[in-house]
Amino acid sequence: MQLLKLIALDKEDLSILSAHMQDAVIKAADLTWQASAQRFILVANRFVWEAAEGRSARQYERRRTALHFNRVTGVRSRGFDRRDGDKVLSLLTVNFVPGKDAPAGLVELIFSGEMAIELDVECVEAQLSDLGAAWETEFKPKHPLDDV
């Protein structure tokens, strides 16, 4: 499978990035805020949802992926301390909330356990890039709503 590279320039694009990043696991040590460059970067082990359809256990994949946001003017975390580098976060979704001064707004990275990161942005400008080969995992993420 080819390496995934996606760009988001609006709320709709960001929802596509979010779908690909759902259930990615991230260590707090892999979160980087570059204030002078107005950039927020995270490196995660994402579940490869696009390759999961029709596969069985031990055929699922994870892949190391970078997600970065440009034109970020502020960063806040909720529910955890970003200085705790060993803290593992499981990403549920990425949302954009438009502000009064469009196209500025808030990008929310929502994690399990009521944790979140909020990015103040001048506009949506994000990029997802797979960093290398996938590896097998026998565990497919499952959510309680899957049983409904």
Protein backbone atom coordinates (compact mmCIF):
# COMPACT_ATOMS: atom_id res chain seq x y z
CA MET A 1 0.00 0.00 0.00
CA GLN A 2 1.21 3.49 -0.83
CA LEU A 3 2.00 6.03 1.82
CA LEU A 4 -0.92 8.34 2.57
CA LYS A 5 -0.44 12.11 2.15
CA LEU A 6 -3.40 14.43 2.69
CA ILE A 7 -3.89 18.17 3.07
CA ALA A 8 -6.79 19.92 4.80
CA LEU A 9 -7.68 23.53 4.04
CA ASP A 10 -11.23 23.64 5.42
CA LYS A 11 -13.59 21.91 7.84
CA GLU A 12 -14.64 19.28 5.28
CA ASP A 13 -11.04 18.37 4.46
CA LEU A 14 -10.27 18.16 8.17
CA SER A 15 -13.07 15.61 8.65
CA ILE A 16 -11.32 13.35 6.13
CA LEU A 17 -8.02 13.65 8.03
CA SER A 18 -9.94 12.91 11.21
CA ALA A 19 -11.39 9.70 9.77
CA HIS A 20 -7.91 8.46 8.86
CA MET A 21 -6.52 9.40 12.28
CA GLN A 22 -9.35 7.89 14.35
CA ASP A 23 -7.92 5.55 17.01
CA ALA A 24 -4.35 6.72 16.47
CA VAL A 25 -2.25 6.33 19.61
CA ILE A 26 0.13 9.12 20.55
CA LYS A 27 2.63 9.58 23.36
CA ALA A 28 2.61 13.04 24.89
CA ALA A 29 6.35 13.16 24.11
CA ASP A 30 5.39 13.09 20.40
CA LEU A 31 3.44 16.36 20.64
CA THR A 32 5.42 19.44 19.56
CA TRP A 33 4.37 23.09 19.66
CA GLN A 34 6.70 25.33 17.66
CA ALA A 35 5.42 28.74 18.72
CA SER A 36 7.80 30.82 16.61
CA ALA A 37 6.88 28.83 13.48
CA GLN A 38 3.17 28.78 14.42
CA ARG A 39 3.17 24.99 13.97
CA PHE A 40 1.81 22.11 16.04
CA ILE A 41 3.05 18.61 15.18
CA LEU A 42 2.12 15.18 16.43
CA VAL A 43 3.51 11.81 15.46
CA ALA A 44 1.20 8.86 15.98
CA ASN A 45 0.69 5.18 15.33
CA ARG A 46 -2.49 5.31 13.28
CA PHE A 47 -4.77 2.37 12.61
CA VAL A 48 -4.95 1.89 8.83
CA TRP A 49 -8.73 1.99 8.44
CA GLU A 50 -8.55 2.11 4.64
CA ALA A 51 -6.93 -1.36 4.62
CA ALA A 52 -9.08 -2.94 7.36
CA GLU A 53 -12.24 -3.73 5.38
CA GLY A 54 -12.64 -7.46 4.88
CA ARG A 55 -9.51 -8.39 6.80
CA SER A 56 -9.27 -10.67 9.78
CA ALA A 57 -7.18 -10.49 12.95
CA ARG A 58 -3.40 -10.37 12.42
CA GLN A 59 -3.99 -8.71 9.07
CA TYR A 60 -4.81 -5.29 10.47
CA GLU A 61 -2.16 -2.62 10.20
CA ARG A 62 -0.80 0.41 12.00
CA ARG A 63 1.51 2.95 10.46
CA ARG A 64 3.68 5.77 11.86
CA THR A 65 2.12 9.04 10.73
CA ALA A 66 2.83 12.74 11.21
CA LEU A 67 0.03 15.29 11.45
CA HIS A 68 0.90 18.94 11.54
CA PHE A 69 -1.09 22.14 11.71
CA ASN A 70 0.21 25.48 10.46
CA ARG A 71 -0.86 29.02 11.39
CA VAL A 72 -1.41 28.03 15.01
CA THR A 73 -1.44 30.97 17.41
CA GLY A 74 -2.09 29.13 20.67
CA VAL A 75 -2.25 25.63 22.19
CA ARG A 76 -4.07 24.35 25.27
CA SER A 77 -4.40 20.84 26.67
CA ARG A 78 -7.26 19.57 28.81
CA GLY A 79 -7.33 16.49 31.05
CA PHE A 80 -3.59 15.70 30.93
CA ASP A 81 -0.17 17.27 31.32
CA ARG A 82 1.74 17.53 28.01
CA ARG A 83 4.99 17.40 30.02
CA ASP A 84 4.19 13.78 31.01
CA GLY A 85 5.97 12.30 27.99
CA ASP A 86 4.91 8.72 28.75
CA LYS A 87 1.19 9.58 28.74
CA VAL A 88 -0.53 7.64 25.91
CA LEU A 89 -3.47 9.30 24.16
CA SER A 90 -6.02 7.64 21.89
CA LEU A 91 -7.39 10.05 19.29
CA LEU A 92 -11.14 9.91 18.70
CA THR A 93 -11.71 12.85 16.36
CA VAL A 94 -10.44 16.17 15.04
CA ASN A 95 -12.97 19.03 14.80
CA PHE A 96 -12.92 22.59 13.58
CA VAL A 97 -15.03 25.24 15.30
CA PRO A 98 -15.18 28.48 13.26
CA GLY A 99 -14.53 31.69 15.17
CA LYS A 100 -16.08 35.14 14.80
CA ASP A 101 -13.25 36.20 12.50
CA ALA A 102 -13.51 33.55 9.74
CA PRO A 103 -11.51 31.71 8.59
CA ALA A 104 -9.94 31.72 12.07
CA GLY A 105 -11.20 29.30 14.67
CA LEU A 106 -10.40 26.39 16.95
CA VAL A 107 -9.12 22.94 16.00
CA GLU A 108 -10.02 20.38 18.67
CA LEU A 109 -8.17 17.08 18.97
CA ILE A 110 -10.46 14.95 21.14
CA PHE A 111 -8.97 11.92 22.92
CA SER A 112 -10.54 9.14 24.94
CA GLY A 113 -10.78 9.72 28.68
CA GLU A 114 -12.11 13.28 28.28
CA MET A 115 -8.73 14.64 27.20
CA ALA A 116 -8.24 17.20 24.44
CA ILE A 117 -5.87 19.61 22.76
CA GLU A 118 -7.21 22.91 21.46
CA LEU A 119 -5.39 24.82 18.74
CA ASP A 120 -6.19 28.45 18.02
CA VAL A 121 -5.71 28.79 14.27
CA GLU A 122 -5.78 31.64 11.75
CA CYS A 123 -7.35 29.14 9.32
CA VAL A 124 -7.41 25.39 8.71
CA GLU A 125 -4.07 24.32 7.26
CA ALA A 126 -3.13 20.74 8.13
CA GLN A 127 -1.16 17.92 6.54
CA LEU A 128 -1.11 14.18 7.24
CA SER A 129 1.90 12.17 6.02
CA ASP A 130 2.62 8.50 6.55
CA LEU A 131 6.26 8.09 7.52
CA GLY A 132 7.01 4.50 6.60
CA ALA A 133 5.96 0.91 6.25
CA ALA A 134 3.02 -0.55 8.13
CA TRP A 135 3.22 -3.32 10.71
CA GLU A 136 0.65 -5.95 11.58
CA THR A 137 -1.62 -5.79 14.56
CA GLU A 138 -4.28 -8.28 15.56
CA PHE A 139 -6.34 -5.65 17.35
CA LYS A 140 -8.97 -3.62 15.52
CA PRO A 141 -10.22 -0.67 17.57
CA LYS A 142 -13.76 -1.17 18.79
CA HIS A 143 -16.17 1.34 20.20
CA PRO A 144 -19.31 0.65 22.28
CA LEU A 145 -21.49 2.05 19.47
CA ASP A 146 -20.19 -0.72 17.17
CA ASP A 147 -22.52 -3.13 19.02
CA VAL A 148 -25.69 -1.03 18.64
